[in-house]
Amino acid sequence: MSHSVDEQYDVYKESRRKARKPHGCHACKETIRKGDAYTVVNIVFDGSARSVKRCARCQALHEHLRELGYRHDMWPNERLACGIRYEDEWGPVPDDVAKLAFALPGETP
């Protein structure tokens, strides 16, 4: 879920939006339904631009991992897919974070 920070993005901009049409979350692959809140992340790194869409649940997980990572010079993978288990990196999963894994669309912040 996270990786060591050895370089920084040239641009990193998050925009929260409300879906006007269905989209796919780039992290969990679930559908972001019309009316759902989601986040678009625009990134420029090493001269290459890309965008990532995250549903509210995956955005909440990303924000949680960023908070943990700041203390350890780590940054979460934008698609939450680096192959590291939470428990192996950070220890037991807090209850509020574990509940996010089972949250249905619309039940997240």
C-alpha atoms as a PDB file:
ATOM      1  CA  MET A   1       0.000   0.000   0.000  1.00  0.00           C
ATOM      2  CA  SER A   2       2.953   2.321   0.539  1.00  0.00           C
ATOM      3  CA  HIS A   3       6.460   2.763  -0.767  1.00  0.00           C
ATOM      4  CA  SER A   4       9.551   4.653   0.365  1.00  0.00           C
ATOM      5  CA  VAL A   5       9.763   8.263  -0.706  1.00  0.00           C
ATOM      6  CA  ASP A   6      12.900   9.025  -2.653  1.00  0.00           C
ATOM      7  CA  GLU A   7      11.463  11.552  -5.127  1.00  0.00           C
ATOM      8  CA  GLN A   8       8.515  13.937  -5.222  1.00  0.00           C
ATOM      9  CA  TYR A   9       5.803  14.571  -7.791  1.00  0.00           C
ATOM     10  CA  ASP A  10       6.251  17.722  -9.871  1.00  0.00           C
ATOM     11  CA  VAL A  11       2.494  18.319  -9.519  1.00  0.00           C
ATOM     12  CA  TYR A  12       0.024  16.628  -7.167  1.00  0.00           C
ATOM     13  CA  LYS A  13      -3.492  18.065  -7.102  1.00  0.00           C
ATOM     14  CA  GLU A  14      -6.548  16.423  -5.546  1.00  0.00           C
ATOM     15  CA  SER A  15     -10.041  17.556  -6.500  1.00  0.00           C
ATOM     16  CA  ARG A  16     -13.153  16.261  -4.789  1.00  0.00           C
ATOM     17  CA  ARG A  17     -16.109  15.868  -7.078  1.00  0.00           C
ATOM     18  CA  LYS A  18     -19.634  14.554  -7.288  1.00  0.00           C
ATOM     19  CA  ALA A  19     -20.097  12.103 -10.153  1.00  0.00           C
ATOM     20  CA  ARG A  20     -22.370  13.284 -12.968  1.00  0.00           C
ATOM     21  CA  LYS A  21     -22.015   9.877 -14.616  1.00  0.00           C
ATOM     22  CA  PRO A  22     -20.607   6.482 -13.582  1.00  0.00           C
ATOM     23  CA  HIS A  23     -16.820   6.142 -13.330  1.00  0.00           C
ATOM     24  CA  GLY A  24     -14.497   3.352 -12.256  1.00  0.00           C
ATOM     25  CA  CYS A  25     -12.345   3.660  -9.155  1.00  0.00           C
ATOM     26  CA  HIS A  26      -8.726   3.081 -10.172  1.00  0.00           C
ATOM     27  CA  ALA A  27      -7.943   1.521  -6.783  1.00  0.00           C
ATOM     28  CA  CYS A  28     -10.750  -0.942  -5.997  1.00  0.00           C
ATOM     29  CA  LYS A  29     -12.270  -1.159  -9.510  1.00  0.00           C
ATOM     30  CA  GLU A  30     -15.777  -0.598  -8.092  1.00  0.00           C
ATOM     31  CA  THR A  31     -18.184   1.699  -9.896  1.00  0.00           C
ATOM     32  CA  ILE A  32     -18.399   5.280  -8.717  1.00  0.00           C
ATOM     33  CA  ARG A  33     -22.127   5.827  -9.226  1.00  0.00           C
ATOM     34  CA  LYS A  34     -23.805   8.979 -10.446  1.00  0.00           C
ATOM     35  CA  GLY A  35     -24.143  11.249  -7.400  1.00  0.00           C
ATOM     36  CA  ASP A  36     -21.307   9.610  -5.425  1.00  0.00           C
ATOM     37  CA  ALA A  37     -18.442  11.690  -4.058  1.00  0.00           C
ATOM     38  CA  TYR A  38     -15.020  10.802  -5.445  1.00  0.00           C
ATOM     39  CA  THR A  39     -11.548  12.285  -5.811  1.00  0.00           C
ATOM     40  CA  VAL A  40      -9.536  12.948  -8.947  1.00  0.00           C
ATOM     41  CA  VAL A  41      -5.784  13.184  -8.495  1.00  0.00           C
ATOM     42  CA  ASN A  42      -3.778  14.940 -11.220  1.00  0.00           C
ATOM     43  CA  ILE A  43      -0.108  14.042 -11.146  1.00  0.00           C
ATOM     44  CA  VAL A  44       2.925  15.139 -13.109  1.00  0.00           C
ATOM     45  CA  PHE A  45       6.067  13.134 -12.453  1.00  0.00           C
ATOM     46  CA  ASP A  46       9.263  13.085 -14.464  1.00  0.00           C
ATOM     47  CA  GLY A  47       7.562  14.943 -17.337  1.00  0.00           C
ATOM     48  CA  SER A  48       4.615  12.545 -17.569  1.00  0.00           C
ATOM     49  CA  ALA A  49       1.048  13.503 -16.588  1.00  0.00           C
ATOM     50  CA  ARG A  50      -1.706  11.159 -15.415  1.00  0.00           C
ATOM     51  CA  SER A  51      -4.958  11.162 -13.487  1.00  0.00           C
ATOM     52  CA  VAL A  52      -6.273   8.738 -10.896  1.00  0.00           C
ATOM     53  CA  LYS A  53      -9.892   8.481  -9.716  1.00  0.00           C
ATOM     54  CA  ARG A  54     -10.619   7.134  -6.247  1.00  0.00           C
ATOM     55  CA  CYS A  55     -14.005   6.432  -4.691  1.00  0.00           C
ATOM     56  CA  ALA A  56     -14.662   7.968  -1.255  1.00  0.00           C
ATOM     57  CA  ARG A  57     -13.705   4.710   0.487  1.00  0.00           C
ATOM     58  CA  CYS A  58     -10.361   4.394  -1.283  1.00  0.00           C
ATOM     59  CA  GLN A  59      -9.685   8.102  -0.765  1.00  0.00           C
ATOM     60  CA  ALA A  60     -10.249   7.676   2.984  1.00  0.00           C
ATOM     61  CA  LEU A  61      -7.814   4.735   2.989  1.00  0.00           C
ATOM     62  CA  HIS A  62      -5.252   6.730   0.998  1.00  0.00           C
ATOM     63  CA  GLU A  63      -5.512   9.645   3.445  1.00  0.00           C
ATOM     64  CA  HIS A  64      -5.083   7.279   6.401  1.00  0.00           C
ATOM     65  CA  LEU A  65      -1.991   5.718   4.829  1.00  0.00           C
ATOM     66  CA  ARG A  66      -0.554   9.147   4.053  1.00  0.00           C
ATOM     67  CA  GLU A  67      -0.854  10.097   7.718  1.00  0.00           C
ATOM     68  CA  LEU A  68       1.018   6.942   8.710  1.00  0.00           C
ATOM     69  CA  GLY A  69       3.574   7.393   5.962  1.00  0.00           C
ATOM     70  CA  TYR A  70       4.551  10.952   6.845  1.00  0.00           C
ATOM     71  CA  ARG A  71       6.012   9.616  10.066  1.00  0.00           C
ATOM     72  CA  HIS A  72       8.089   7.021   8.207  1.00  0.00           C
ATOM     73  CA  ASP A  73       9.008   8.716   4.905  1.00  0.00           C
ATOM     74  CA  MET A  74       6.538   6.592   2.954  1.00  0.00           C
ATOM     75  CA  TRP A  75       3.773   7.452   0.487  1.00  0.00           C
ATOM     76  CA  PRO A  76       0.831   5.190  -0.432  1.00  0.00           C
ATOM     77  CA  ASN A  77       0.555   3.859  -3.946  1.00  0.00           C
ATOM     78  CA  GLU A  78      -2.016   5.987  -5.802  1.00  0.00           C
ATOM     79  CA  ARG A  79      -4.024   2.876  -6.714  1.00  0.00           C
ATOM     80  CA  LEU A  80      -3.431   1.269  -3.304  1.00  0.00           C
ATOM     81  CA  ALA A  81      -1.737  -1.629  -5.071  1.00  0.00           C
ATOM     82  CA  CYS A  82       1.874  -2.049  -4.053  1.00  0.00           C
ATOM     83  CA  GLY A  83       1.590  -5.553  -2.623  1.00  0.00           C
ATOM     84  CA  ILE A  84       2.451  -4.695   0.983  1.00  0.00           C
ATOM     85  CA  ARG A  85       0.030  -5.958   3.629  1.00  0.00           C
ATOM     86  CA  TYR A  86      -1.121  -3.361   6.151  1.00  0.00           C
ATOM     87  CA  GLU A  87      -0.341  -5.649   9.082  1.00  0.00           C
ATOM     88  CA  ASP A  88       3.198  -6.278   7.865  1.00  0.00           C
ATOM     89  CA  GLU A  89       3.933  -2.568   7.590  1.00  0.00           C
ATOM     90  CA  TRP A  90       1.892  -0.929  10.371  1.00  0.00           C
ATOM     91  CA  GLY A  91       0.604  -3.682  12.701  1.00  0.00           C
ATOM     92  CA  PRO A  92      -3.038  -4.452  13.530  1.00  0.00           C
ATOM     93  CA  VAL A  93      -5.630  -2.677  11.398  1.00  0.00           C
ATOM     94  CA  PRO A  94      -7.578  -0.080  13.432  1.00  0.00           C
ATOM     95  CA  ASP A  95     -11.317  -0.793  13.660  1.00  0.00           C
ATOM     96  CA  ASP A  96     -12.324   2.373  11.785  1.00  0.00           C
ATOM     97  CA  VAL A  97     -10.001   1.481   8.901  1.00  0.00           C
ATOM     98  CA  ALA A  98     -11.148  -2.162   8.837  1.00  0.00           C
ATOM     99  CA  LYS A  99     -14.774  -0.999   8.542  1.00  0.00           C
ATOM    100  CA  LEU A 100     -13.889   0.857   5.334  1.00  0.00           C
ATOM    101  CA  ALA A 101     -13.114  -2.466   3.649  1.00  0.00           C
ATOM    102  CA  PHE A 102     -16.752  -3.512   4.029  1.00  0.00           C
ATOM    103  CA  ALA A 103     -18.418  -0.138   3.519  1.00  0.00           C
ATOM    104  CA  LEU A 104     -20.964   0.104   0.739  1.00  0.00           C
ATOM    105  CA  PRO A 105     -21.053   3.069  -1.650  1.00  0.00           C
ATOM    106  CA  GLY A 106     -22.513   6.056   0.141  1.00  0.00           C
ATOM    107  CA  GLU A 107     -21.465   4.780   3.594  1.00  0.00           C
ATOM    108  CA  THR A 108     -18.078   6.456   3.562  1.00  0.00           C
ATOM    109  CA  PRO A 109     -16.979  10.034   4.280  1.00  0.00           C
END
